[in-house]
Amino acid sequence: MEEALQELRTDQVAIERTFTAVRTALPAVNSAAFDAELVRITHASLSDPAALDDFLTGWWRIATRAAQDSEDWLRMHAEAEQIRSDQCLPGTPPAEILAR
C-alpha cells in the first residue's frame, strides 16, 4: 500500500514522488509555478517539513494527472485562459467549459 502512495501507475507512466521526478514530469505550462512555489517555501524564515510535503504531494498529483492525458490537461489550461481573459468562444458558456 505504501508503494501505491509513492507512485501512480498509468498505462505507460510511473512518476516517483520526489522533487526531481515531479519537476521533470510536469508539462511546461506548470514548470514556472512549481519553481516559484518551491522558492517561496524553501526561502521561508522557518523550515516547515509539512509545507514541503504538502507542496510535493500537490504537484505530484498535478504531474500524474497531466501524464494520464496530456491533451486533456493542455486543453483545460487553454480553456482556463479563455475564461480568465473573458474571451470564451461564442455560444460556450463558462459553466459548460468548467463542467468538462
N, C-alpha and C. Protein backbone atom coordinates (compact mmCIF):
# COMPACT_ATOMS: atom_id res chain seq x y z
N MET A 1 0.82 -1.20 0.00
CA MET A 1 0.00 0.00 0.00
C MET A 1 0.86 1.26 0.00
N GLU A 2 1.94 1.24 0.77
CA GLU A 2 2.84 2.40 0.82
C GLU A 2 3.40 2.69 -0.57
N GLU A 3 3.72 1.65 -1.30
CA GLU A 3 4.23 1.83 -2.65
C GLU A 3 3.19 2.51 -3.54
N ALA A 4 1.94 2.18 -3.35
CA ALA A 4 0.87 2.80 -4.14
C ALA A 4 0.77 4.28 -3.83
N LEU A 5 1.09 4.69 -2.60
CA LEU A 5 1.06 6.10 -2.26
C LEU A 5 2.25 6.85 -2.86
N GLN A 6 3.33 6.15 -3.11
CA GLN A 6 4.53 6.78 -3.63
C GLN A 6 4.51 6.94 -5.15
N GLU A 7 3.80 6.10 -5.84
CA GLU A 7 3.76 6.15 -7.30
C GLU A 7 2.34 5.94 -7.79
N LEU A 8 2.00 6.64 -8.85
CA LEU A 8 0.73 6.40 -9.53
C LEU A 8 1.09 5.82 -10.89
N ARG A 9 0.63 4.63 -11.13
CA ARG A 9 0.96 3.98 -12.40
C ARG A 9 -0.20 4.18 -13.37
N THR A 10 0.14 4.61 -14.57
CA THR A 10 -0.84 4.69 -15.64
C THR A 10 -0.42 3.65 -16.67
N ASP A 11 -1.03 3.68 -17.83
CA ASP A 11 -0.68 2.69 -18.85
C ASP A 11 0.82 2.70 -19.15
N GLN A 12 1.44 3.87 -19.21
CA GLN A 12 2.84 3.94 -19.59
C GLN A 12 3.68 4.79 -18.65
N VAL A 13 3.08 5.37 -17.62
CA VAL A 13 3.78 6.35 -16.82
C VAL A 13 3.78 5.98 -15.34
N ALA A 14 4.94 6.07 -14.73
CA ALA A 14 5.06 5.95 -13.28
C ALA A 14 5.92 7.12 -12.83
N ILE A 15 5.36 7.97 -12.00
CA ILE A 15 6.10 9.15 -11.55
C ILE A 15 6.42 8.97 -10.07
N GLU A 16 7.71 8.95 -9.76
CA GLU A 16 8.11 8.85 -8.36
C GLU A 16 7.73 10.12 -7.63
N ARG A 17 7.48 10.01 -6.36
CA ARG A 17 7.11 11.18 -5.55
C ARG A 17 8.38 11.80 -4.97
N THR A 18 9.20 12.35 -5.88
CA THR A 18 10.41 13.07 -5.50
C THR A 18 10.38 14.42 -6.20
N PHE A 19 11.09 15.39 -5.65
CA PHE A 19 11.09 16.72 -6.26
C PHE A 19 11.57 16.69 -7.71
N THR A 20 12.66 15.99 -7.95
CA THR A 20 13.23 15.94 -9.30
C THR A 20 12.30 15.24 -10.28
N ALA A 21 11.75 14.11 -9.88
CA ALA A 21 10.86 13.36 -10.78
C ALA A 21 9.59 14.14 -11.09
N VAL A 22 9.03 14.77 -10.08
CA VAL A 22 7.80 15.53 -10.30
C VAL A 22 8.08 16.72 -11.20
N ARG A 23 9.16 17.46 -10.93
CA ARG A 23 9.50 18.64 -11.74
C ARG A 23 9.74 18.24 -13.19
N THR A 24 10.40 17.13 -13.41
CA THR A 24 10.69 16.65 -14.76
C THR A 24 9.41 16.23 -15.49
N ALA A 25 8.46 15.67 -14.77
CA ALA A 25 7.24 15.16 -15.38
C ALA A 25 6.19 16.24 -15.67
N LEU A 26 6.36 17.42 -15.07
CA LEU A 26 5.36 18.46 -15.27
C LEU A 26 5.34 18.98 -16.70
N PRO A 27 4.16 19.30 -17.21
CA PRO A 27 4.09 19.99 -18.51
C PRO A 27 4.73 21.37 -18.38
N ALA A 28 5.24 21.88 -19.46
CA ALA A 28 5.93 23.18 -19.46
C ALA A 28 5.06 24.29 -18.89
N VAL A 29 3.76 24.20 -19.11
CA VAL A 29 2.85 25.25 -18.65
C VAL A 29 2.84 25.34 -17.12
N ASN A 30 3.26 24.30 -16.42
CA ASN A 30 3.24 24.29 -14.96
C ASN A 30 4.60 24.49 -14.31
N SER A 31 5.67 24.43 -15.07
CA SER A 31 7.01 24.46 -14.51
C SER A 31 7.32 25.73 -13.73
N ALA A 32 6.98 26.88 -14.26
CA ALA A 32 7.28 28.14 -13.60
C ALA A 32 6.56 28.26 -12.26
N ALA A 33 5.32 27.81 -12.21
CA ALA A 33 4.56 27.86 -10.95
C ALA A 33 5.18 26.93 -9.91
N PHE A 34 5.61 25.76 -10.34
CA PHE A 34 6.30 24.82 -9.45
C PHE A 34 7.54 25.48 -8.87
N ASP A 35 8.37 26.05 -9.75
CA ASP A 35 9.62 26.67 -9.32
C ASP A 35 9.37 27.83 -8.36
N ALA A 36 8.41 28.67 -8.68
CA ALA A 36 8.12 29.83 -7.84
C ALA A 36 7.64 29.41 -6.45
N GLU A 37 6.79 28.41 -6.41
CA GLU A 37 6.28 27.96 -5.11
C GLU A 37 7.38 27.30 -4.29
N LEU A 38 8.23 26.53 -4.95
CA LEU A 38 9.34 25.89 -4.24
C LEU A 38 10.29 26.93 -3.66
N VAL A 39 10.59 27.97 -4.42
CA VAL A 39 11.45 29.05 -3.91
C VAL A 39 10.81 29.70 -2.70
N ARG A 40 9.52 29.97 -2.78
CA ARG A 40 8.82 30.61 -1.66
C ARG A 40 8.91 29.76 -0.40
N ILE A 41 8.70 28.46 -0.55
CA ILE A 41 8.73 27.58 0.62
C ILE A 41 10.14 27.42 1.17
N THR A 42 11.11 27.25 0.30
CA THR A 42 12.47 26.99 0.77
C THR A 42 13.17 28.25 1.28
N HIS A 43 12.66 29.42 0.93
CA HIS A 43 13.26 30.67 1.42
C HIS A 43 12.50 31.26 2.60
N ALA A 44 11.56 30.52 3.15
CA ALA A 44 10.82 30.98 4.32
C ALA A 44 11.77 31.07 5.51
N SER A 45 11.44 31.94 6.46
CA SER A 45 12.32 32.13 7.62
C SER A 45 12.41 30.88 8.49
N LEU A 46 11.36 30.09 8.53
CA LEU A 46 11.37 28.84 9.28
C LEU A 46 11.19 27.66 8.33
N SER A 47 11.98 26.64 8.54
CA SER A 47 11.84 25.43 7.73
C SER A 47 10.59 24.68 8.18
N ASP A 48 9.72 24.35 7.24
CA ASP A 48 8.46 23.67 7.56
C ASP A 48 8.35 22.39 6.74
N PRO A 49 8.75 21.25 7.33
CA PRO A 49 8.68 19.99 6.59
C PRO A 49 7.27 19.65 6.11
N ALA A 50 6.26 20.02 6.87
CA ALA A 50 4.88 19.73 6.45
C ALA A 50 4.54 20.52 5.19
N ALA A 51 4.99 21.76 5.11
CA ALA A 51 4.74 22.57 3.91
C ALA A 51 5.43 21.96 2.70
N LEU A 52 6.65 21.46 2.87
CA LEU A 52 7.35 20.81 1.77
C LEU A 52 6.63 19.54 1.33
N ASP A 53 6.13 18.77 2.29
CA ASP A 53 5.41 17.55 1.96
C ASP A 53 4.10 17.88 1.23
N ASP A 54 3.37 18.88 1.71
CA ASP A 54 2.13 19.30 1.04
C ASP A 54 2.42 19.79 -0.37
N PHE A 55 3.48 20.55 -0.52
CA PHE A 55 3.90 21.05 -1.83
C PHE A 55 4.16 19.89 -2.78
N LEU A 56 4.99 18.94 -2.35
CA LEU A 56 5.35 17.81 -3.20
C LEU A 56 4.14 16.96 -3.53
N THR A 57 3.29 16.71 -2.56
CA THR A 57 2.09 15.91 -2.80
C THR A 57 1.17 16.57 -3.82
N GLY A 58 0.95 17.86 -3.66
CA GLY A 58 0.08 18.58 -4.60
C GLY A 58 0.62 18.56 -6.02
N TRP A 59 1.90 18.84 -6.16
CA TRP A 59 2.49 18.85 -7.50
C TRP A 59 2.62 17.45 -8.09
N TRP A 60 2.82 16.45 -7.24
CA TRP A 60 2.86 15.07 -7.74
C TRP A 60 1.50 14.70 -8.32
N ARG A 61 0.43 15.12 -7.65
CA ARG A 61 -0.91 14.86 -8.18
C ARG A 61 -1.13 15.55 -9.52
N ILE A 62 -0.66 16.78 -9.63
CA ILE A 62 -0.77 17.50 -10.90
C ILE A 62 0.01 16.79 -11.99
N ALA A 63 1.24 16.38 -11.69
CA ALA A 63 2.08 15.71 -12.68
C ALA A 63 1.46 14.39 -13.13
N THR A 64 0.92 13.61 -12.19
CA THR A 64 0.34 12.33 -12.57
C THR A 64 -0.95 12.54 -13.36
N ARG A 65 -1.74 13.53 -12.99
CA ARG A 65 -2.97 13.82 -13.73
C ARG A 65 -2.64 14.26 -15.16
N ALA A 66 -1.66 15.13 -15.28
CA ALA A 66 -1.27 15.60 -16.61
C ALA A 66 -0.69 14.47 -17.45
N ALA A 67 0.03 13.55 -16.82
CA ALA A 67 0.63 12.44 -17.56
C ALA A 67 -0.41 11.45 -18.05
N GLN A 68 -1.52 11.34 -17.35
CA GLN A 68 -2.56 10.40 -17.76
C GLN A 68 -3.18 10.79 -19.09
N ASP A 69 -3.38 12.08 -19.32
CA ASP A 69 -3.99 12.55 -20.56
C ASP A 69 -3.48 13.96 -20.84
N SER A 70 -2.33 14.04 -21.47
CA SER A 70 -1.68 15.34 -21.67
C SER A 70 -2.50 16.26 -22.58
N GLU A 71 -3.19 15.72 -23.55
CA GLU A 71 -4.03 16.56 -24.41
C GLU A 71 -5.15 17.21 -23.62
N ASP A 72 -5.78 16.45 -22.75
CA ASP A 72 -6.86 16.98 -21.92
C ASP A 72 -6.32 18.04 -20.97
N TRP A 73 -5.14 17.80 -20.41
CA TRP A 73 -4.51 18.76 -19.49
C TRP A 73 -4.24 20.09 -20.20
N LEU A 74 -3.69 20.03 -21.39
CA LEU A 74 -3.40 21.25 -22.15
C LEU A 74 -4.69 21.96 -22.57
N ARG A 75 -5.70 21.18 -22.95
CA ARG A 75 -6.99 21.77 -23.31
C ARG A 75 -7.61 22.49 -22.10
N MET A 76 -7.50 21.88 -20.93
CA MET A 76 -8.02 22.50 -19.71
C MET A 76 -7.34 23.84 -19.46
N HIS A 77 -6.02 23.90 -19.65
CA HIS A 77 -5.29 25.16 -19.46
C HIS A 77 -5.71 26.21 -20.49
N ALA A 78 -5.90 25.79 -21.72
CA ALA A 78 -6.33 26.73 -22.77
C ALA A 78 -7.71 27.28 -22.45
N GLU A 79 -8.62 26.42 -22.01
CA GLU A 79 -9.95 26.87 -21.67
C GLU A 79 -9.94 27.78 -20.44
N ALA A 80 -9.10 27.47 -19.47
CA ALA A 80 -8.99 28.33 -18.28
C ALA A 80 -8.47 29.71 -18.67
N GLU A 81 -7.53 29.75 -19.59
CA GLU A 81 -7.01 31.05 -20.04
C GLU A 81 -8.09 31.84 -20.78
N GLN A 82 -8.92 31.16 -21.57
CA GLN A 82 -10.04 31.83 -22.23
C GLN A 82 -10.98 32.44 -21.21
N ILE A 83 -11.26 31.70 -20.16
CA ILE A 83 -12.15 32.20 -19.11
C ILE A 83 -11.52 33.40 -18.41
N ARG A 84 -10.24 33.29 -18.06
CA ARG A 84 -9.55 34.40 -17.39
C ARG A 84 -9.52 35.65 -18.24
N SER A 85 -9.33 35.49 -19.52
CA SER A 85 -9.22 36.65 -20.41
C SER A 85 -10.58 37.11 -20.92
N ASP A 86 -11.63 36.45 -20.46
CA ASP A 86 -13.00 36.79 -20.84
C ASP A 86 -13.21 36.69 -22.35
N GLN A 87 -12.54 35.71 -22.96
CA GLN A 87 -12.64 35.52 -24.41
C GLN A 87 -13.16 34.12 -24.73
N CYS A 88 -14.20 33.70 -24.05
CA CYS A 88 -14.80 32.40 -24.34
C CYS A 88 -15.39 32.44 -25.74
N LEU A 89 -15.38 31.31 -26.38
CA LEU A 89 -15.97 31.22 -27.70
C LEU A 89 -17.46 31.52 -27.62
N PRO A 90 -18.00 32.22 -28.62
CA PRO A 90 -19.45 32.49 -28.61
C PRO A 90 -20.23 31.18 -28.53
N GLY A 91 -21.24 31.18 -27.69
CA GLY A 91 -22.08 30.01 -27.57
C GLY A 91 -21.59 28.98 -26.57
N THR A 92 -20.41 29.19 -25.98
CA THR A 92 -19.89 28.25 -24.98
C THR A 92 -19.89 28.95 -23.62
N PRO A 93 -20.93 28.72 -22.83
CA PRO A 93 -20.99 29.37 -21.52
C PRO A 93 -19.87 28.87 -20.62
N PRO A 94 -19.32 29.75 -19.78
CA PRO A 94 -18.26 29.33 -18.86
C PRO A 94 -18.65 28.12 -18.00
N ALA A 95 -19.91 28.04 -17.58
CA ALA A 95 -20.34 26.90 -16.76
C ALA A 95 -20.15 25.59 -17.51
N GLU A 96 -20.40 25.60 -18.83
CA GLU A 96 -20.21 24.39 -19.63
C GLU A 96 -18.73 24.04 -19.73
N ILE A 97 -17.90 25.04 -19.93
CA ILE A 97 -16.46 24.81 -20.01
C ILE A 97 -15.95 24.23 -18.69
N LEU A 98 -16.39 24.79 -17.59
CA LEU A 98 -15.94 24.34 -16.28
C LEU A 98 -16.43 22.93 -15.97
N ALA A 99 -17.54 22.53 -16.56
CA ALA A 99 -18.10 21.20 -16.32
C ALA A 99 -17.35 20.10 -17.07
N ARG A 100 -16.52 20.46 -18.01
CA ARG A 100 -15.80 19.45 -18.82
C ARG A 100 -14.77 18.71 -18.03
